Amino acid sequence: MNAIAFAETPSKGVYTLSEPGGAVAELAFSRAGASMIIIEHTDVPDAFRGQGVGRRLVARAVEDARAAGKTIMPLCPFARAEFGKHPEWADVWKR
């Protein structure tokens, strides 16, 4: 499985993970000011189901937010559920 890729514009960003067969999982977010991002959706194709790919994408967003001193508002139901499972992410969770 490939490494997580990251692309951004001044107002949005996306983390993606692809496999050689062409399946692409993604986590998309928007920026809310200089100190917060909003996770809007996470999409994990069937080819990745059960492999923890969605959790990896959210974890990468958490790592990057923490390093940049930002908080995350997870509007995406999947991302919100992951935050609920990981109390160690509380420092970046904007409730």
PDB file of N, CA and C in Angstrom:
ATOM      1  N   MET A   1       0.849  -1.172   0.000  1.00  0.00           N
ATOM      2  CA  MET A   1       0.000   0.000   0.000  1.00  0.00           C
ATOM      3  C   MET A   1       0.893   1.234   0.000  1.00  0.00           C
ATOM      4  N   ASN A   2       0.555   2.211  -0.778  1.00  0.00           N
ATOM      5  CA  ASN A   2       1.340   3.426  -0.915  1.00  0.00           C
ATOM      6  C   ASN A   2       1.218   4.322   0.310  1.00  0.00           C
ATOM      7  N   ALA A   3       2.092   5.305   0.358  1.00  0.00           N
ATOM      8  CA  ALA A   3       2.047   6.302   1.429  1.00  0.00           C
ATOM      9  C   ALA A   3       0.887   7.269   1.190  1.00  0.00           C
ATOM     10  N   ILE A   4       0.479   7.942   2.229  1.00  0.00           N
ATOM     11  CA  ILE A   4      -0.590   8.933   2.125  1.00  0.00           C
ATOM     12  C   ILE A   4      -0.040  10.181   1.438  1.00  0.00           C
ATOM     13  N   ALA A   5      -0.754  10.630   0.422  1.00  0.00           N
ATOM     14  CA  ALA A   5      -0.388  11.857  -0.295  1.00  0.00           C
ATOM     15  C   ALA A   5      -1.241  13.007   0.236  1.00  0.00           C
ATOM     16  N   PHE A   6      -0.728  14.211   0.080  1.00  0.00           N
ATOM     17  CA  PHE A   6      -1.420  15.403   0.570  1.00  0.00           C
ATOM     18  C   PHE A   6      -1.380  16.480  -0.509  1.00  0.00           C
ATOM     19  N   ALA A   7      -2.507  17.120  -0.728  1.00  0.00           N
ATOM     20  CA  ALA A   7      -2.585  18.249  -1.660  1.00  0.00           C
ATOM     21  C   ALA A   7      -3.462  19.304  -1.011  1.00  0.00           C
ATOM     22  N   GLU A   8      -3.162  20.584  -1.283  1.00  0.00           N
ATOM     23  CA  GLU A   8      -3.954  21.644  -0.676  1.00  0.00           C
ATOM     24  C   GLU A   8      -4.029  22.871  -1.562  1.00  0.00           C
ATOM     25  N   THR A   9      -5.041  23.662  -1.288  1.00  0.00           N
ATOM     26  CA  THR A   9      -5.207  24.992  -1.862  1.00  0.00           C
ATOM     27  C   THR A   9      -5.318  25.928  -0.661  1.00  0.00           C
ATOM     28  N   PRO A  10      -5.440  27.221  -0.863  1.00  0.00           N
ATOM     29  CA  PRO A  10      -5.574  28.108   0.299  1.00  0.00           C
ATOM     30  C   PRO A  10      -6.803  27.823   1.172  1.00  0.00           C
ATOM     31  N   SER A  11      -7.850  27.207   0.611  1.00  0.00           N
ATOM     32  CA  SER A  11      -9.066  27.002   1.397  1.00  0.00           C
ATOM     33  C   SER A  11      -9.424  25.538   1.660  1.00  0.00           C
ATOM     34  N   LYS A  12      -8.813  24.603   0.949  1.00  0.00           N
ATOM     35  CA  LYS A  12      -9.180  23.188   1.090  1.00  0.00           C
ATOM     36  C   LYS A  12      -7.947  22.298   1.024  1.00  0.00           C
ATOM     37  N   GLY A  13      -8.134  21.050   1.405  1.00  0.00           N
ATOM     38  CA  GLY A  13      -7.055  20.079   1.314  1.00  0.00           C
ATOM     39  C   GLY A  13      -7.622  18.680   1.217  1.00  0.00           C
ATOM     40  N   VAL A  14      -6.773  17.752   0.794  1.00  0.00           N
ATOM     41  CA  VAL A  14      -7.187  16.356   0.679  1.00  0.00           C
ATOM     42  C   VAL A  14      -5.988  15.449   0.950  1.00  0.00           C
ATOM     43  N   TYR A  15      -6.258  14.406   1.715  1.00  0.00           N
ATOM     44  CA  TYR A  15      -5.302  13.333   1.932  1.00  0.00           C
ATOM     45  C   TYR A  15      -5.802  12.153   1.107  1.00  0.00           C
ATOM     46  N   THR A  16      -4.913  11.498   0.373  1.00  0.00           N
ATOM     47  CA  THR A  16      -5.320  10.348  -0.431  1.00  0.00           C
ATOM     48  C   THR A  16      -4.358   9.191  -0.220  1.00  0.00           C
ATOM     49  N   LEU A  17      -4.907   8.013  -0.393  1.00  0.00           N
ATOM     50  CA  LEU A  17      -4.117   6.794  -0.340  1.00  0.00           C
ATOM     51  C   LEU A  17      -4.593   5.944  -1.495  1.00  0.00           C
ATOM     52  N   SER A  18      -3.684   5.526  -2.347  1.00  0.00           N
ATOM     53  CA  SER A  18      -4.082   4.734  -3.516  1.00  0.00           C
ATOM     54  C   SER A  18      -3.374   3.392  -3.504  1.00  0.00           C
ATOM     55  N   GLU A  19      -3.960   2.459  -4.239  1.00  0.00           N
ATOM     56  CA  GLU A  19      -3.355   1.140  -4.386  1.00  0.00           C
ATOM     57  C   GLU A  19      -3.026   0.935  -5.859  1.00  0.00           C
ATOM     58  N   PRO A  20      -2.129   0.023  -6.155  1.00  0.00           N
ATOM     59  CA  PRO A  20      -1.748  -0.197  -7.546  1.00  0.00           C
ATOM     60  C   PRO A  20      -2.933  -0.516  -8.466  1.00  0.00           C
ATOM     61  N   GLY A  21      -3.978  -1.117  -7.952  1.00  0.00           N
ATOM     62  CA  GLY A  21      -5.140  -1.459  -8.762  1.00  0.00           C
ATOM     63  C   GLY A  21      -6.011  -0.266  -9.125  1.00  0.00           C
ATOM     64  N   GLY A  22      -5.716   0.898  -8.573  1.00  0.00           N
ATOM     65  CA  GLY A  22      -6.446   2.100  -8.934  1.00  0.00           C
ATOM     66  C   GLY A  22      -7.414   2.629  -7.897  1.00  0.00           C
ATOM     67  N   ALA A  23      -7.698   1.891  -6.843  1.00  0.00           N
ATOM     68  CA  ALA A  23      -8.607   2.382  -5.807  1.00  0.00           C
ATOM     69  C   ALA A  23      -7.941   3.533  -5.057  1.00  0.00           C
ATOM     70  N   VAL A  24      -8.735   4.564  -4.740  1.00  0.00           N
ATOM     71  CA  VAL A  24      -8.219   5.735  -4.023  1.00  0.00           C
ATOM     72  C   VAL A  24      -9.147   6.047  -2.851  1.00  0.00           C
ATOM     73  N   ALA A  25      -8.570   6.091  -1.658  1.00  0.00           N
ATOM     74  CA  ALA A  25      -9.306   6.511  -0.464  1.00  0.00           C
ATOM     75  C   ALA A  25      -8.926   7.960  -0.211  1.00  0.00           C
ATOM     76  N   GLU A  26      -9.884   8.751   0.307  1.00  0.00           N
ATOM     77  CA  GLU A  26      -9.563  10.154   0.546  1.00  0.00           C
ATOM     78  C   GLU A  26     -10.254  10.711   1.770  1.00  0.00           C
ATOM     79  N   LEU A  27      -9.620  11.728   2.319  1.00  0.00           N
ATOM     80  CA  LEU A  27     -10.184  12.529   3.394  1.00  0.00           C
ATOM     81  C   LEU A  27     -10.077  13.971   2.923  1.00  0.00           C
ATOM     82  N   ALA A  28     -11.217  14.646   2.828  1.00  0.00           N
ATOM     83  CA  ALA A  28     -11.242  16.033   2.359  1.00  0.00           C
ATOM     84  C   ALA A  28     -11.587  16.960   3.518  1.00  0.00           C
ATOM     85  N   PHE A  29     -10.930  18.121   3.534  1.00  0.00           N
ATOM     86  CA  PHE A  29     -11.201  19.102   4.579  1.00  0.00           C
ATOM     87  C   PHE A  29     -11.197  20.507   3.994  1.00  0.00           C
ATOM     88  N   SER A  30     -11.769  21.420   4.764  1.00  0.00           N
ATOM     89  CA  SER A  30     -11.699  22.834   4.424  1.00  0.00           C
ATOM     90  C   SER A  30     -11.068  23.561   5.603  1.00  0.00           C
ATOM     91  N   ARG A  31     -10.553  24.722   5.320  1.00  0.00           N
ATOM     92  CA  ARG A  31      -9.936  25.536   6.368  1.00  0.00           C
ATOM     93  C   ARG A  31     -10.970  26.506   6.935  1.00  0.00           C
ATOM     94  N   ALA A  32     -10.915  26.681   8.237  1.00  0.00           N
ATOM     95  CA  ALA A  32     -11.779  27.659   8.909  1.00  0.00           C
ATOM     96  C   ALA A  32     -10.856  28.607   9.655  1.00  0.00           C
ATOM     97  N   GLY A  33     -10.396  29.617   8.964  1.00  0.00           N
ATOM     98  CA  GLY A  33      -9.437  30.522   9.561  1.00  0.00           C
ATOM     99  C   GLY A  33      -8.048  29.912   9.551  1.00  0.00           C
ATOM    100  N   ALA A  34      -7.158  30.529  10.299  1.00  0.00           N
ATOM    101  CA  ALA A  34      -5.768  30.093  10.299  1.00  0.00           C
ATOM    102  C   ALA A  34      -5.487  28.940  11.259  1.00  0.00           C
ATOM    103  N   SER A  35      -6.419  28.668  12.171  1.00  0.00           N
ATOM    104  CA  SER A  35      -6.097  27.695  13.217  1.00  0.00           C
ATOM    105  C   SER A  35      -7.006  26.480  13.288  1.00  0.00           C
ATOM    106  N   MET A  36      -7.917  26.305  12.320  1.00  0.00           N
ATOM    107  CA  MET A  36      -8.807  25.152  12.386  1.00  0.00           C
ATOM    108  C   MET A  36      -9.076  24.600  10.989  1.00  0.00           C
ATOM    109  N   ILE A  37      -9.188  23.255  10.926  1.00  0.00           N
ATOM    110  CA  ILE A  37      -9.655  22.613   9.707  1.00  0.00           C
ATOM    111  C   ILE A  37     -10.943  21.855  10.027  1.00  0.00           C
ATOM    112  N   ILE A  38     -11.746  21.666   9.007  1.00  0.00           N
ATOM    113  CA  ILE A  38     -13.010  20.944   9.151  1.00  0.00           C
ATOM    114  C   ILE A  38     -12.959  19.728   8.237  1.00  0.00           C
ATOM    115  N   ILE A  39     -12.978  18.541   8.827  1.00  0.00           N
ATOM    116  CA  ILE A  39     -13.008  17.330   8.008  1.00  0.00           C
ATOM    117  C   ILE A  39     -14.431  17.178   7.490  1.00  0.00           C
ATOM    118  N   GLU A  40     -14.570  17.265   6.178  1.00  0.00           N
ATOM    119  CA  GLU A  40     -15.885  17.234   5.540  1.00  0.00           C
ATOM    120  C   GLU A  40     -16.329  15.833   5.160  1.00  0.00           C
ATOM    121  N   HIS A  41     -15.429  15.049   4.611  1.00  0.00           N
ATOM    122  CA  HIS A  41     -15.809  13.673   4.295  1.00  0.00           C
ATOM    123  C   HIS A  41     -14.591  12.766   4.162  1.00  0.00           C
ATOM    124  N   THR A  42     -14.846  11.506   4.386  1.00  0.00           N
ATOM    125  CA  THR A  42     -13.859  10.456   4.211  1.00  0.00           C
ATOM    126  C   THR A  42     -14.502   9.415   3.317  1.00  0.00           C
ATOM    127  N   ASP A  43     -13.792   9.028   2.278  1.00  0.00           N
ATOM    128  CA  ASP A  43     -14.311   8.038   1.335  1.00  0.00           C
ATOM    129  C   ASP A  43     -13.305   6.902   1.219  1.00  0.00           C
ATOM    130  N   VAL A  44     -13.748   5.694   1.568  1.00  0.00           N
ATOM    131  CA  VAL A  44     -12.885   4.520   1.491  1.00  0.00           C
ATOM    132  C   VAL A  44     -13.564   3.492   0.588  1.00  0.00           C
ATOM    133  N   PRO A  45     -12.990   3.222  -0.589  1.00  0.00           N
ATOM    134  CA  PRO A  45     -13.582   2.247  -1.504  1.00  0.00           C
ATOM    135  C   PRO A  45     -13.571   0.836  -0.915  1.00  0.00           C
ATOM    136  N   ASP A  46     -14.423  -0.014  -1.450  1.00  0.00           N
ATOM    137  CA  ASP A  46     -14.520  -1.396  -0.975  1.00  0.00           C
ATOM    138  C   ASP A  46     -13.167  -2.120  -0.986  1.00  0.00           C
ATOM    139  N   ALA A  47     -12.299  -1.789  -1.934  1.00  0.00           N
ATOM    140  CA  ALA A  47     -10.989  -2.452  -2.028  1.00  0.00           C
ATOM    141  C   ALA A  47     -10.157  -2.251  -0.761  1.00  0.00           C
ATOM    142  N   PHE A  48     -10.459  -1.210   0.011  1.00  0.00           N
ATOM    143  CA  PHE A  48      -9.703  -0.903   1.228  1.00  0.00           C
ATOM    144  C   PHE A  48     -10.447  -1.282   2.503  1.00  0.00           C
ATOM    145  N   ARG A  49     -11.669  -1.710   2.419  1.00  0.00           N
ATOM    146  CA  ARG A  49     -12.473  -1.982   3.622  1.00  0.00           C
ATOM    147  C   ARG A  49     -11.768  -2.979   4.543  1.00  0.00           C
ATOM    148  N   GLY A  50     -11.853  -2.702   5.832  1.00  0.00           N
ATOM    149  CA  GLY A  50     -11.300  -3.601   6.837  1.00  0.00           C
ATOM    150  C   GLY A  50      -9.794  -3.523   7.010  1.00  0.00           C
ATOM    151  N   GLN A  51      -9.129  -2.580   6.368  1.00  0.00           N
ATOM    152  CA  GLN A  51      -7.677  -2.470   6.453  1.00  0.00           C
ATOM    153  C   GLN A  51      -7.207  -1.284   7.293  1.00  0.00           C
ATOM    154  N   GLY A  52      -8.135  -0.548   7.878  1.00  0.00           N
ATOM    155  CA  GLY A  52      -7.778   0.592   8.710  1.00  0.00           C
ATOM    156  C   GLY A  52      -7.356   1.825   7.926  1.00  0.00           C
ATOM    157  N   VAL A  53      -7.700   1.864   6.652  1.00  0.00           N
ATOM    158  CA  VAL A  53      -7.286   2.978   5.798  1.00  0.00           C
ATOM    159  C   VAL A  53      -7.947   4.282   6.232  1.00  0.00           C
ATOM    160  N   GLY A  54      -9.226   4.266   6.529  1.00  0.00           N
ATOM    161  CA  GLY A  54      -9.905   5.473   6.982  1.00  0.00           C
ATOM    162  C   GLY A  54      -9.280   6.019   8.250  1.00  0.00           C
ATOM    163  N   ARG A  55      -8.980   5.135   9.188  1.00  0.00           N
ATOM    164  CA  ARG A  55      -8.343   5.551  10.435  1.00  0.00           C
ATOM    165  C   ARG A  55      -6.968   6.144  10.154  1.00  0.00           C
ATOM    166  N   ARG A  56      -6.228   5.558   9.229  1.00  0.00           N
ATOM    167  CA  ARG A  56      -4.905   6.094   8.877  1.00  0.00           C
ATOM    168  C   ARG A  56      -5.008   7.511   8.324  1.00  0.00           C
ATOM    169  N   LEU A  57      -6.012   7.755   7.496  1.00  0.00           N
ATOM    170  CA  LEU A  57      -6.194   9.092   6.935  1.00  0.00           C
ATOM    171  C   LEU A  57      -6.501  10.109   8.028  1.00  0.00           C
ATOM    172  N   VAL A  58      -7.397   9.751   8.941  1.00  0.00           N
ATOM    173  CA  VAL A  58      -7.743  10.668  10.036  1.00  0.00           C
ATOM    174  C   VAL A  58      -6.524  10.883  10.932  1.00  0.00           C
ATOM    175  N   ALA A  59      -5.797   9.814  11.217  1.00  0.00           N
ATOM    176  CA  ALA A  59      -4.609   9.935  12.069  1.00  0.00           C
ATOM    177  C   ALA A  59      -3.572  10.864  11.443  1.00  0.00           C
ATOM    178  N   ARG A  60      -3.417  10.792  10.143  1.00  0.00           N
ATOM    179  CA  ARG A  60      -2.467  11.693   9.458  1.00  0.00           C
ATOM    180  C   ARG A  60      -2.912  13.149   9.581  1.00  0.00           C
ATOM    181  N   ALA A  61      -4.216  13.395   9.424  1.00  0.00           N
ATOM    182  CA  ALA A  61      -4.730  14.757   9.586  1.00  0.00           C
ATOM    183  C   ALA A  61      -4.488  15.253  11.017  1.00  0.00           C
ATOM    184  N   VAL A  62      -4.666  14.373  11.990  1.00  0.00           N
ATOM    185  CA  VAL A  62      -4.420  14.729  13.389  1.00  0.00           C
ATOM    186  C   VAL A  62      -2.944  15.071  13.596  1.00  0.00           C
ATOM    187  N   GLU A  63      -2.051  14.235  13.070  1.00  0.00           N
ATOM    188  CA  GLU A  63      -0.616  14.495  13.205  1.00  0.00           C
ATOM    189  C   GLU A  63      -0.233  15.847  12.608  1.00  0.00           C
ATOM    190  N   ASP A  64      -0.739  16.111  11.411  1.00  0.00           N
ATOM    191  CA  ASP A  64      -0.411  17.371  10.747  1.00  0.00           C
ATOM    192  C   ASP A  64      -0.992  18.574  11.480  1.00  0.00           C
ATOM    193  N   ALA A  65      -2.219  18.445  11.970  1.00  0.00           N
ATOM    194  CA  ALA A  65      -2.843  19.540  12.722  1.00  0.00           C
ATOM    195  C   ALA A  65      -2.066  19.808  14.009  1.00  0.00           C
ATOM    196  N   ARG A  66      -1.702  18.755  14.682  1.00  0.00           N
ATOM    197  CA  ARG A  66      -0.954  18.902  15.939  1.00  0.00           C
ATOM    198  C   ARG A  66       0.376  19.612  15.672  1.00  0.00           C
ATOM    199  N   ALA A  67       1.073  19.195  14.634  1.00  0.00           N
ATOM    200  CA  ALA A  67       2.368  19.794  14.304  1.00  0.00           C
ATOM    201  C   ALA A  67       2.236  21.270  13.936  1.00  0.00           C
ATOM    202  N   ALA A  68       1.116  21.645  13.349  1.00  0.00           N
ATOM    203  CA  ALA A  68       0.888  23.028  12.930  1.00  0.00           C
ATOM    204  C   ALA A  68       0.165  23.865  13.983  1.00  0.00           C
ATOM    205  N   GLY A  69      -0.176  23.272  15.128  1.00  0.00           N
ATOM    206  CA  GLY A  69      -0.882  23.996  16.179  1.00  0.00           C
ATOM    207  C   GLY A  69      -2.320  24.314  15.825  1.00  0.00           C
ATOM    208  N   LYS A  70      -2.955  23.430  15.050  1.00  0.00           N
ATOM    209  CA  LYS A  70      -4.344  23.644  14.624  1.00  0.00           C
ATOM    210  C   LYS A  70      -5.285  22.688  15.334  1.00  0.00           C
ATOM    211  N   THR A  71      -6.572  23.009  15.284  1.00  0.00           N
ATOM    212  CA  THR A  71      -7.599  22.113  15.797  1.00  0.00           C
ATOM    213  C   THR A  71      -8.399  21.567  14.616  1.00  0.00           C
ATOM    214  N   ILE A  72      -9.155  20.506  14.887  1.00  0.00           N
ATOM    215  CA  ILE A  72      -9.963  19.847  13.857  1.00  0.00           C
ATOM    216  C   ILE A  72     -11.397  19.739  14.324  1.00  0.00           C
ATOM    217  N   MET A  73     -12.316  20.135  13.456  1.00  0.00           N
ATOM    218  CA  MET A  73     -13.735  19.902  13.689  1.00  0.00           C
ATOM    219  C   MET A  73     -14.146  18.790  12.716  1.00  0.00           C
ATOM    220  N   PRO A  74     -14.410  17.588  13.232  1.00  0.00           N
ATOM    221  CA  PRO A  74     -14.773  16.474  12.348  1.00  0.00           C
ATOM    222  C   PRO A  74     -16.283  16.435  12.063  1.00  0.00           C
ATOM    223  N   LEU A  75     -16.705  17.057  10.984  1.00  0.00           N
ATOM    224  CA  LEU A  75     -18.120  16.999  10.603  1.00  0.00           C
ATOM    225  C   LEU A  75     -18.477  15.664   9.958  1.00  0.00           C
ATOM    226  N   CYS A  76     -17.527  15.040   9.317  1.00  0.00           N
ATOM    227  CA  CYS A  76     -17.722  13.726   8.712  1.00  0.00           C
ATOM    228  C   CYS A  76     -18.057  12.714   9.818  1.00  0.00           C
ATOM    229  N   PRO A  77     -19.141  11.942   9.668  1.00  0.00           N
ATOM    230  CA  PRO A  77     -19.506  10.972  10.713  1.00  0.00           C
ATOM    231  C   PRO A  77     -18.407   9.954  11.011  1.00  0.00           C
ATOM    232  N   PHE A  78     -17.720   9.492   9.986  1.00  0.00           N
ATOM    233  CA  PHE A  78     -16.641   8.527  10.219  1.00  0.00           C
ATOM    234  C   PHE A  78     -15.523   9.160  11.045  1.00  0.00           C
ATOM    235  N   ALA A  79     -15.079  10.348  10.646  1.00  0.00           N
ATOM    236  CA  ALA A  79     -13.998  11.017  11.371  1.00  0.00           C
ATOM    237  C   ALA A  79     -14.410  11.312  12.806  1.00  0.00           C
ATOM    238  N   ARG A  80     -15.664  11.755  13.000  1.00  0.00           N
ATOM    239  CA  ARG A  80     -16.149  12.027  14.360  1.00  0.00           C
ATOM    240  C   ARG A  80     -16.110  10.749  15.209  1.00  0.00           C
ATOM    241  N   ALA A  81     -16.510   9.634  14.629  1.00  0.00           N
ATOM    242  CA  ALA A  81     -16.472   8.354  15.358  1.00  0.00           C
ATOM    243  C   ALA A  81     -15.035   7.978  15.716  1.00  0.00           C
ATOM    244  N   GLU A  82     -14.108   8.218  14.809  1.00  0.00           N
ATOM    245  CA  GLU A  82     -12.706   7.914  15.091  1.00  0.00           C
ATOM    246  C   GLU A  82     -12.173   8.782  16.232  1.00  0.00           C
ATOM    247  N   PHE A  83     -12.538  10.058  16.253  1.00  0.00           N
ATOM    248  CA  PHE A  83     -12.124  10.917  17.355  1.00  0.00           C
ATOM    249  C   PHE A  83     -12.665  10.381  18.678  1.00  0.00           C
ATOM    250  N   GLY A  84     -13.885   9.869  18.667  1.00  0.00           N
ATOM    251  CA  GLY A  84     -14.471   9.302  19.875  1.00  0.00           C
ATOM    252  C   GLY A  84     -13.749   8.062  20.374  1.00  0.00           C
ATOM    253  N   LYS A  85     -13.083   7.353  19.474  1.00  0.00           N
ATOM    254  CA  LYS A  85     -12.339   6.132  19.827  1.00  0.00           C
ATOM    255  C   LYS A  85     -10.906   6.422  20.270  1.00  0.00           C
ATOM    256  N   HIS A  86     -10.444   7.640  20.056  1.00  0.00           N
ATOM    257  CA  HIS A  86      -9.046   7.970  20.318  1.00  0.00           C
ATOM    258  C   HIS A  86      -8.929   9.181  21.248  1.00  0.00           C
ATOM    259  N   PRO A  87      -9.036   8.956  22.551  1.00  0.00           N
ATOM    260  CA  PRO A  87      -8.946  10.077  23.495  1.00  0.00           C
ATOM    261  C   PRO A  87      -7.608  10.819  23.403  1.00  0.00           C
ATOM    262  N   GLU A  88      -6.576  10.183  22.875  1.00  0.00           N
ATOM    263  CA  GLU A  88      -5.289  10.844  22.732  1.00  0.00           C
ATOM    264  C   GLU A  88      -5.298  11.948  21.675  1.00  0.00           C
ATOM    265  N   TRP A  89      -6.386  12.052  20.925  1.00  0.00           N
ATOM    266  CA  TRP A  89      -6.536  13.114  19.930  1.00  0.00           C
ATOM    267  C   TRP A  89      -7.297  14.317  20.499  1.00  0.00           C
ATOM    268  N   ALA A  90      -7.648  14.282  21.751  1.00  0.00           N
ATOM    269  CA  ALA A  90      -8.478  15.342  22.356  1.00  0.00           C
ATOM    270  C   ALA A  90      -7.843  16.732  22.246  1.00  0.00           C
ATOM    271  N   ASP A  91      -6.530  16.788  22.196  1.00  0.00           N
ATOM    272  CA  ASP A  91      -5.853  18.096  22.147  1.00  0.00           C
ATOM    273  C   ASP A  91      -6.117  18.848  20.843  1.00  0.00           C
ATOM    274  N   VAL A  92      -6.510  18.150  19.786  1.00  0.00           N
ATOM    275  CA  VAL A  92      -6.786  18.830  18.515  1.00  0.00           C
ATOM    276  C   VAL A  92      -8.265  18.840  18.154  1.00  0.00           C
ATOM    277  N   TRP A  93      -9.088  18.162  18.961  1.00  0.00           N
ATOM    278  CA  TRP A  93     -10.524  18.044  18.660  1.00  0.00           C
ATOM    279  C   TRP A  93     -11.271  19.300  19.070  1.00  0.00           C
ATOM    280  N   LYS A  94     -11.812  20.008  18.085  1.00  0.00           N
ATOM    281  CA  LYS A  94     -12.636  21.194  18.346  1.00  0.00           C
ATOM    282  C   LYS A  94     -14.079  20.726  18.400  1.00  0.00           C
ATOM    283  N   ARG A  95     -14.661  20.710  19.575  1.00  0.00           N
ATOM    284  CA  ARG A  95     -16.029  20.203  19.752  1.00  0.00           C
ATOM    285  C   ARG A  95     -17.024  21.304  19.587  1.00  0.00           C
TER     286      ARG A  95
END
